[in-house]
Each structure stands twice: as structure tokens, then as C-alpha cells.
PDB file of all heavy atoms in Angstrom:
ATOM      1  N   VAL A   1       0.860  -1.192   0.000  1.00  0.00           N
ATOM      2  CA  VAL A   1       0.000   0.000   0.000  1.00  0.00           C
ATOM      3  C   VAL A   1       0.893   1.238   0.000  1.00  0.00           C
ATOM      4  O   VAL A   1       2.053   1.177   0.422  1.00  0.00           O
ATOM      5  CB  VAL A   1      -0.918   0.037   1.243  1.00  0.00           C
ATOM      6  CG1 VAL A   1      -1.920  -1.104   1.203  1.00  0.00           C
ATOM      7  CG2 VAL A   1      -0.101   0.005   2.524  1.00  0.00           C
ATOM      8  N   PRO A   2       0.388   2.377  -0.485  1.00  0.00           N
ATOM      9  CA  PRO A   2       1.182   3.605  -0.396  1.00  0.00           C
ATOM     10  C   PRO A   2       1.493   3.906   1.067  1.00  0.00           C
ATOM     11  O   PRO A   2       0.638   3.733   1.941  1.00  0.00           O
ATOM     12  CB  PRO A   2       0.248   4.670  -0.990  1.00  0.00           C
ATOM     13  CG  PRO A   2      -0.722   3.913  -1.823  1.00  0.00           C
ATOM     14  CD  PRO A   2      -0.914   2.596  -1.138  1.00  0.00           C
ATOM     15  N   VAL A   3       2.707   4.336   1.337  1.00  0.00           N
ATOM     16  CA  VAL A   3       3.082   4.633   2.720  1.00  0.00           C
ATOM     17  C   VAL A   3       3.838   5.958   2.763  1.00  0.00           C
ATOM     18  O   VAL A   3       4.828   6.153   2.068  1.00  0.00           O
ATOM     19  CB  VAL A   3       3.932   3.490   3.333  1.00  0.00           C
ATOM     20  CG1 VAL A   3       5.179   3.220   2.530  1.00  0.00           C
ATOM     21  CG2 VAL A   3       4.284   3.786   4.777  1.00  0.00           C
ATOM     22  N   SER A   4       3.311   6.882   3.551  1.00  0.00           N
ATOM     23  CA  SER A   4       3.932   8.193   3.722  1.00  0.00           C
ATOM     24  C   SER A   4       4.733   8.190   5.013  1.00  0.00           C
ATOM     25  O   SER A   4       4.205   7.831   6.074  1.00  0.00           O
ATOM     26  CB  SER A   4       2.862   9.285   3.765  1.00  0.00           C
ATOM     27  OG  SER A   4       3.420  10.529   4.128  1.00  0.00           O
ATOM     28  N   ILE A   5       6.002   8.589   4.935  1.00  0.00           N
ATOM     29  CA  ILE A   5       6.875   8.540   6.112  1.00  0.00           C
ATOM     30  C   ILE A   5       7.522   9.905   6.350  1.00  0.00           C
ATOM     31  O   ILE A   5       8.209  10.436   5.473  1.00  0.00           O
ATOM     32  CB  ILE A   5       7.973   7.470   5.932  1.00  0.00           C
ATOM     33  CG1 ILE A   5       7.322   6.085   5.749  1.00  0.00           C
ATOM     34  CG2 ILE A   5       8.920   7.475   7.117  1.00  0.00           C
ATOM     35  CD1 ILE A   5       8.307   4.958   5.586  1.00  0.00           C
ATOM     36  N   VAL A   6       7.274  10.456   7.539  1.00  0.00           N
ATOM     37  CA  VAL A   6       7.923  11.710   7.923  1.00  0.00           C
ATOM     38  C   VAL A   6       9.432  11.492   7.921  1.00  0.00           C
ATOM     39  O   VAL A   6       9.939  10.597   8.598  1.00  0.00           O
ATOM     40  CB  VAL A   6       7.460  12.163   9.312  1.00  0.00           C
ATOM     41  CG1 VAL A   6       8.280  13.372   9.772  1.00  0.00           C
ATOM     42  CG2 VAL A   6       5.976  12.515   9.293  1.00  0.00           C
ATOM     43  N   SER A   7      10.144  12.313   7.172  1.00  0.00           N
ATOM     44  CA  SER A   7      11.578  12.077   6.978  1.00  0.00           C
ATOM     45  C   SER A   7      12.451  13.231   7.448  1.00  0.00           C
ATOM     46  O   SER A   7      13.643  13.270   7.153  1.00  0.00           O
ATOM     47  CB  SER A   7      11.853  11.798   5.492  1.00  0.00           C
ATOM     48  OG  SER A   7      11.076  10.709   5.030  1.00  0.00           O
ATOM     49  N   ASP A   8      11.865  14.171   8.192  1.00  0.00           N
ATOM     50  CA  ASP A   8      12.634  15.348   8.604  1.00  0.00           C
ATOM     51  C   ASP A   8      12.861  15.402  10.108  1.00  0.00           C
ATOM     52  O   ASP A   8      13.153  16.462  10.642  1.00  0.00           O
ATOM     53  CB  ASP A   8      11.902  16.622   8.172  1.00  0.00           C
ATOM     54  CG  ASP A   8      10.735  16.938   9.089  1.00  0.00           C
ATOM     55  OD1 ASP A   8      10.007  15.997   9.463  1.00  0.00           O
ATOM     56  OD2 ASP A   8      10.552  18.118   9.456  1.00  0.00           O
ATOM     57  N   SER A   9      12.738  14.269  10.784  1.00  0.00           N
ATOM     58  CA  SER A   9      12.911  14.288  12.236  1.00  0.00           C
ATOM     59  C   SER A   9      14.254  14.895  12.626  1.00  0.00           C
ATOM     60  O   SER A   9      14.377  15.549  13.667  1.00  0.00           O
ATOM     61  CB  SER A   9      12.807  12.867  12.800  1.00  0.00           C
ATOM     62  OG  SER A   9      11.530  12.317  12.535  1.00  0.00           O
ATOM     63  N   TYR A  10      15.262  14.673  11.793  1.00  0.00           N
ATOM     64  CA  TYR A  10      16.599  15.191  12.080  1.00  0.00           C
ATOM     65  C   TYR A  10      17.163  15.941  10.868  1.00  0.00           C
ATOM     66  O   TYR A  10      17.446  17.119  10.947  1.00  0.00           O
ATOM     67  CB  TYR A  10      17.528  14.041  12.490  1.00  0.00           C
ATOM     68  CG  TYR A  10      16.900  13.150  13.535  1.00  0.00           C
ATOM     69  CD1 TYR A  10      16.420  11.885  13.214  1.00  0.00           C
ATOM     70  CD2 TYR A  10      16.738  13.594  14.848  1.00  0.00           C
ATOM     71  CE1 TYR A  10      15.801  11.077  14.166  1.00  0.00           C
ATOM     72  CE2 TYR A  10      16.114  12.799  15.804  1.00  0.00           C
ATOM     73  CZ  TYR A  10      15.645  11.534  15.457  1.00  0.00           C
ATOM     74  OH  TYR A  10      15.033  10.748  16.396  1.00  0.00           O
ATOM     75  N   ASP A  11      17.318  15.249   9.756  1.00  0.00           N
ATOM     76  CA  ASP A  11      17.908  15.881   8.571  1.00  0.00           C
ATOM     77  C   ASP A  11      17.232  15.317   7.324  1.00  0.00           C
ATOM     78  O   ASP A  11      17.569  14.233   6.863  1.00  0.00           O
ATOM     79  CB  ASP A  11      19.414  15.623   8.530  1.00  0.00           C
ATOM     80  CG  ASP A  11      20.126  16.424   7.449  1.00  0.00           C
ATOM     81  OD1 ASP A  11      19.475  16.830   6.471  1.00  0.00           O
ATOM     82  OD2 ASP A  11      21.356  16.622   7.567  1.00  0.00           O
ATOM     83  N   ILE A  12      16.265  16.053   6.800  1.00  0.00           N
ATOM     84  CA  ILE A  12      15.502  15.591   5.645  1.00  0.00           C
ATOM     85  C   ILE A  12      16.394  15.324   4.437  1.00  0.00           C
ATOM     86  O   ILE A  12      16.166  14.377   3.680  1.00  0.00           O
ATOM     87  CB  ILE A  12      14.397  16.623   5.276  1.00  0.00           C
ATOM     88  CG1 ILE A  12      13.622  16.198   4.028  1.00  0.00           C
ATOM     89  CG2 ILE A  12      14.984  18.013   5.089  1.00  0.00           C
ATOM     90  CD1 ILE A  12      12.829  14.946   4.174  1.00  0.00           C
ATOM     91  N   TYR A  13      17.432  16.118   4.282  1.00  0.00           N
ATOM     92  CA  TYR A  13      18.279  15.978   3.096  1.00  0.00           C
ATOM     93  C   TYR A  13      19.174  14.741   3.197  1.00  0.00           C
ATOM     94  O   TYR A  13      19.385  14.032   2.215  1.00  0.00           O
ATOM     95  CB  TYR A  13      19.108  17.252   2.897  1.00  0.00           C
ATOM     96  CG  TYR A  13      18.245  18.487   2.902  1.00  0.00           C
ATOM     97  CD1 TYR A  13      18.485  19.548   3.789  1.00  0.00           C
ATOM     98  CD2 TYR A  13      17.141  18.592   2.042  1.00  0.00           C
ATOM     99  CE1 TYR A  13      17.668  20.669   3.808  1.00  0.00           C
ATOM    100  CE2 TYR A  13      16.322  19.712   2.059  1.00  0.00           C
ATOM    101  CZ  TYR A  13      16.595  20.744   2.942  1.00  0.00           C
ATOM    102  OH  TYR A  13      15.770  21.841   2.972  1.00  0.00           O
ATOM    103  N   ASN A  14      19.677  14.467   4.388  1.00  0.00           N
ATOM    104  CA  ASN A  14      20.438  13.236   4.594  1.00  0.00           C
ATOM    105  C   ASN A  14      19.532  12.025   4.440  1.00  0.00           C
ATOM    106  O   ASN A  14      19.942  10.998   3.879  1.00  0.00           O
ATOM    107  CB  ASN A  14      21.070  13.236   5.982  1.00  0.00           C
ATOM    108  CG  ASN A  14      21.820  11.951   6.279  1.00  0.00           C
ATOM    109  OD1 ASN A  14      22.907  11.711   5.754  1.00  0.00           O
ATOM    110  ND2 ASN A  14      21.243  11.107   7.110  1.00  0.00           N
ATOM    111  N   ALA A  15      18.301  12.137   4.938  1.00  0.00           N
ATOM    112  CA  ALA A  15      17.355  11.029   4.809  1.00  0.00           C
ATOM    113  C   ALA A  15      17.107  10.700   3.349  1.00  0.00           C
ATOM    114  O   ALA A  15      17.079   9.526   2.954  1.00  0.00           O
ATOM    115  CB  ALA A  15      16.043  11.381   5.507  1.00  0.00           C
ATOM    116  N   CYS A  16      16.930  11.728   2.524  1.00  0.00           N
ATOM    117  CA  CYS A  16      16.657  11.508   1.097  1.00  0.00           C
ATOM    118  C   CYS A  16      17.885  10.977   0.366  1.00  0.00           C
ATOM    119  O   CYS A  16      17.781  10.064  -0.464  1.00  0.00           O
ATOM    120  CB  CYS A  16      16.186  12.802   0.442  1.00  0.00           C
ATOM    121  SG  CYS A  16      14.547  13.335   0.959  1.00  0.00           S
ATOM    122  N   GLU A  17      19.046  11.538   0.693  1.00  0.00           N
ATOM    123  CA  GLU A  17      20.248  11.174  -0.047  1.00  0.00           C
ATOM    124  C   GLU A  17      20.846   9.847   0.410  1.00  0.00           C
ATOM    125  O   GLU A  17      21.179   8.984  -0.422  1.00  0.00           O
ATOM    126  CB  GLU A  17      21.303  12.277   0.082  1.00  0.00           C
ATOM    127  CG  GLU A  17      22.556  12.013  -0.730  1.00  0.00           C
ATOM    128  CD  GLU A  17      23.469  13.225  -0.814  1.00  0.00           C
ATOM    129  OE1 GLU A  17      23.095  14.302  -0.318  1.00  0.00           O
ATOM    130  OE2 GLU A  17      24.564  13.080  -1.392  1.00  0.00           O
ATOM    131  N   LYS A  18      20.991   9.679   1.706  1.00  0.00           N
ATOM    132  CA  LYS A  18      21.708   8.517   2.220  1.00  0.00           C
ATOM    133  C   LYS A  18      20.789   7.332   2.544  1.00  0.00           C
ATOM    134  O   LYS A  18      21.068   6.198   2.158  1.00  0.00           O
ATOM    135  CB  LYS A  18      22.499   8.907   3.475  1.00  0.00           C
ATOM    136  CG  LYS A  18      23.560   9.970   3.229  1.00  0.00           C
ATOM    137  CD  LYS A  18      24.633   9.476   2.266  1.00  0.00           C
ATOM    138  CE  LYS A  18      25.732  10.538   2.109  1.00  0.00           C
ATOM    139  NZ  LYS A  18      26.755  10.101   1.127  1.00  0.00           N
ATOM    140  N   ILE A  19      19.695   7.621   3.286  1.00  0.00           N
ATOM    141  CA  ILE A  19      18.858   6.511   3.747  1.00  0.00           C
ATOM    142  C   ILE A  19      17.950   6.019   2.622  1.00  0.00           C
ATOM    143  O   ILE A  19      18.013   4.851   2.230  1.00  0.00           O
ATOM    144  CB  ILE A  19      18.037   6.911   4.981  1.00  0.00           C
ATOM    145  CG1 ILE A  19      18.967   7.371   6.118  1.00  0.00           C
ATOM    146  CG2 ILE A  19      17.181   5.725   5.441  1.00  0.00           C
ATOM    147  CD1 ILE A  19      18.245   7.815   7.369  1.00  0.00           C
ATOM    148  N   TRP A  20      17.105   6.913   2.085  1.00  0.00           N
ATOM    149  CA  TRP A  20      16.231   6.487   0.987  1.00  0.00           C
ATOM    150  C   TRP A  20      17.007   6.219  -0.291  1.00  0.00           C
ATOM    151  O   TRP A  20      16.756   5.237  -0.993  1.00  0.00           O
ATOM    152  CB  TRP A  20      15.164   7.547   0.724  1.00  0.00           C
ATOM    153  CG  TRP A  20      14.180   7.772   1.829  1.00  0.00           C
ATOM    154  CD1 TRP A  20      13.814   8.972   2.375  1.00  0.00           C
ATOM    155  CD2 TRP A  20      13.413   6.788   2.526  1.00  0.00           C
ATOM    156  NE1 TRP A  20      12.879   8.799   3.375  1.00  0.00           N
ATOM    157  CE2 TRP A  20      12.605   7.452   3.474  1.00  0.00           C
ATOM    158  CE3 TRP A  20      13.326   5.393   2.449  1.00  0.00           C
ATOM    159  CZ2 TRP A  20      11.732   6.784   4.332  1.00  0.00           C
ATOM    160  CZ3 TRP A  20      12.450   4.728   3.300  1.00  0.00           C
ATOM    161  CH2 TRP A  20      11.677   5.418   4.221  1.00  0.00           C
ATOM    162  N   GLY A  21      17.965   7.113  -0.585  1.00  0.00           N
ATOM    163  CA  GLY A  21      18.661   7.028  -1.867  1.00  0.00           C
ATOM    164  C   GLY A  21      19.767   6.001  -1.948  1.00  0.00           C
ATOM    165  O   GLY A  21      20.208   5.642  -3.048  1.00  0.00           O
ATOM    166  N   GLU A  22      20.237   5.505  -0.786  1.00  0.00           N
ATOM    167  CA  GLU A  22      21.340   4.534  -0.799  1.00  0.00           C
ATOM    168  C   GLU A  22      21.021   3.307   0.057  1.00  0.00           C
ATOM    169  O   GLU A  22      20.866   2.200  -0.459  1.00  0.00           O
ATOM    170  CB  GLU A  22      22.633   5.208  -0.320  1.00  0.00           C
ATOM    171  CG  GLU A  22      23.117   6.314  -1.263  1.00  0.00           C
ATOM    172  CD  GLU A  22      24.377   7.014  -0.755  1.00  0.00           C
ATOM    173  OE1 GLU A  22      24.977   6.527   0.239  1.00  0.00           O
ATOM    174  OE2 GLU A  22      24.756   8.052  -1.340  1.00  0.00           O
ATOM    175  N   ASP A  23      20.897   3.509   1.364  1.00  0.00           N
ATOM    176  CA  ASP A  23      20.755   2.370   2.279  1.00  0.00           C
ATOM    177  C   ASP A  23      19.526   1.514   1.965  1.00  0.00           C
ATOM    178  O   ASP A  23      19.600   0.283   1.972  1.00  0.00           O
ATOM    179  CB  ASP A  23      20.671   2.857   3.727  1.00  0.00           C
ATOM    180  CG  ASP A  23      21.930   3.598   4.168  1.00  0.00           C
ATOM    181  OD1 ASP A  23      22.990   3.370   3.555  1.00  0.00           O
ATOM    182  OD2 ASP A  23      21.848   4.392   5.129  1.00  0.00           O
ATOM    183  N   LEU A  24      18.398   2.164   1.711  1.00  0.00           N
ATOM    184  CA  LEU A  24      17.147   1.432   1.509  1.00  0.00           C
ATOM    185  C   LEU A  24      16.674   1.467   0.052  1.00  0.00           C
ATOM    186  O   LEU A  24      15.532   1.086  -0.234  1.00  0.00           O
ATOM    187  CB  LEU A  24      16.051   1.996   2.427  1.00  0.00           C
ATOM    188  CG  LEU A  24      16.361   1.964   3.928  1.00  0.00           C
ATOM    189  CD1 LEU A  24      15.200   2.547   4.727  1.00  0.00           C
ATOM    190  CD2 LEU A  24      16.666   0.540   4.391  1.00  0.00           C
ATOM    191  N   ARG A  25      17.529   1.893  -0.816  1.00  0.00           N
ATOM    192  CA  ARG A  25      17.128   2.039  -2.222  1.00  0.00           C
ATOM    193  C   ARG A  25      16.558   0.745  -2.824  1.00  0.00           C
ATOM    194  O   ARG A  25      15.524   0.787  -3.504  1.00  0.00           O
ATOM    195  CB  ARG A  25      18.307   2.544  -3.055  1.00  0.00           C
ATOM    196  CG  ARG A  25      17.974   2.654  -4.539  1.00  0.00           C
ATOM    197  CD  ARG A  25      19.055   3.353  -5.318  1.00  0.00           C
ATOM    198  NE  ARG A  25      18.783   3.311  -6.748  1.00  0.00           N
ATOM    199  CZ  ARG A  25      19.433   4.007  -7.665  1.00  0.00           C
ATOM    200  NH1 ARG A  25      20.402   4.828  -7.283  1.00  0.00           N
ATOM    201  NH2 ARG A  25      19.119   3.902  -8.934  1.00  0.00           N
ATOM    202  N   PRO A  26      17.176  -0.415  -2.609  1.00  0.00           N
ATOM    203  CA  PRO A  26      16.606  -1.641  -3.194  1.00  0.00           C
ATOM    204  C   PRO A  26      15.172  -1.912  -2.734  1.00  0.00           C
ATOM    205  O   PRO A  26      14.346  -2.387  -3.525  1.00  0.00           O
ATOM    206  CB  PRO A  26      17.565  -2.738  -2.713  1.00  0.00           C
ATOM    207  CG  PRO A  26      18.862  -2.033  -2.482  1.00  0.00           C
ATOM    208  CD  PRO A  26      18.469  -0.692  -1.943  1.00  0.00           C
ATOM    209  N   LEU A  27      14.879  -1.613  -1.473  1.00  0.00           N
ATOM    210  CA  LEU A  27      13.521  -1.815  -0.976  1.00  0.00           C
ATOM    211  C   LEU A  27      12.534  -0.870  -1.654  1.00  0.00           C
ATOM    212  O   LEU A  27      11.381  -1.237  -1.924  1.00  0.00           O
ATOM    213  CB  LEU A  27      13.466  -1.599   0.539  1.00  0.00           C
ATOM    214  CG  LEU A  27      14.137  -2.663   1.418  1.00  0.00           C
ATOM    215  CD1 LEU A  27      14.060  -2.255   2.887  1.00  0.00           C
ATOM    216  CD2 LEU A  27      13.461  -4.014   1.217  1.00  0.00           C
ATOM    217  N   ILE A  28      12.977   0.348  -1.921  1.00  0.00           N
ATOM    218  CA  ILE A  28      12.108   1.332  -2.567  1.00  0.00           C
ATOM    219  C   ILE A  28      11.857   0.943  -4.016  1.00  0.00           C
ATOM    220  O   ILE A  28      10.723   0.990  -4.506  1.00  0.00           O
ATOM    221  CB  ILE A  28      12.731   2.746  -2.506  1.00  0.00           C
ATOM    222  CG1 ILE A  28      13.152   3.101  -1.081  1.00  0.00           C
ATOM    223  CG2 ILE A  28      11.746   3.779  -3.049  1.00  0.00           C
ATOM    224  CD1 ILE A  28      12.094   2.886  -0.050  1.00  0.00           C
ATOM    225  N   GLU A  29      12.914   0.532  -4.697  1.00  0.00           N
ATOM    226  CA  GLU A  29      12.781   0.170  -6.109  1.00  0.00           C
ATOM    227  C   GLU A  29      11.913  -1.076  -6.295  1.00  0.00           C
ATOM    228  O   GLU A  29      11.362  -1.286  -7.390  1.00  0.00           O
ATOM    229  CB  GLU A  29      14.163  -0.054  -6.714  1.00  0.00           C
ATOM    230  CG  GLU A  29      14.987   1.221  -6.796  1.00  0.00           C
ATOM    231  CD  GLU A  29      16.393   0.974  -7.312  1.00  0.00           C
ATOM    232  OE1 GLU A  29      16.956  -0.109  -7.025  1.00  0.00           O
ATOM    233  OE2 GLU A  29      16.938   1.868  -8.005  1.00  0.00           O
ATOM    234  N   ALA A  30      11.785  -1.879  -5.257  1.00  0.00           N
ATOM    235  CA  ALA A  30      10.968  -3.094  -5.351  1.00  0.00           C
ATOM    236  C   ALA A  30       9.476  -2.800  -5.190  1.00  0.00           C
ATOM    237  O   ALA A  30       8.646  -3.681  -5.420  1.00  0.00           O
ATOM    238  CB  ALA A  30      11.415  -4.097  -4.288  1.00  0.00           C
TER     239      ALA A  30
END
């Protein structure tokens, strides 16, 4: 299902670049 996740608890830009864009990228692409 679509899932919205607050990503600015600390650093929104690091979350987008490192966590979503690198660490968890395979899970997102799936």
C-alpha cells in the first residue's frame, strides 16, 4: 500500500540522499 513517512525528524536531506537514496534504495525500487 502507499506509505507516507515523515523524513525530517533530524535531517531531511540526509534522509533523502543517504537513507532512501542509498541504504534502503533496493527496498524502494521493489
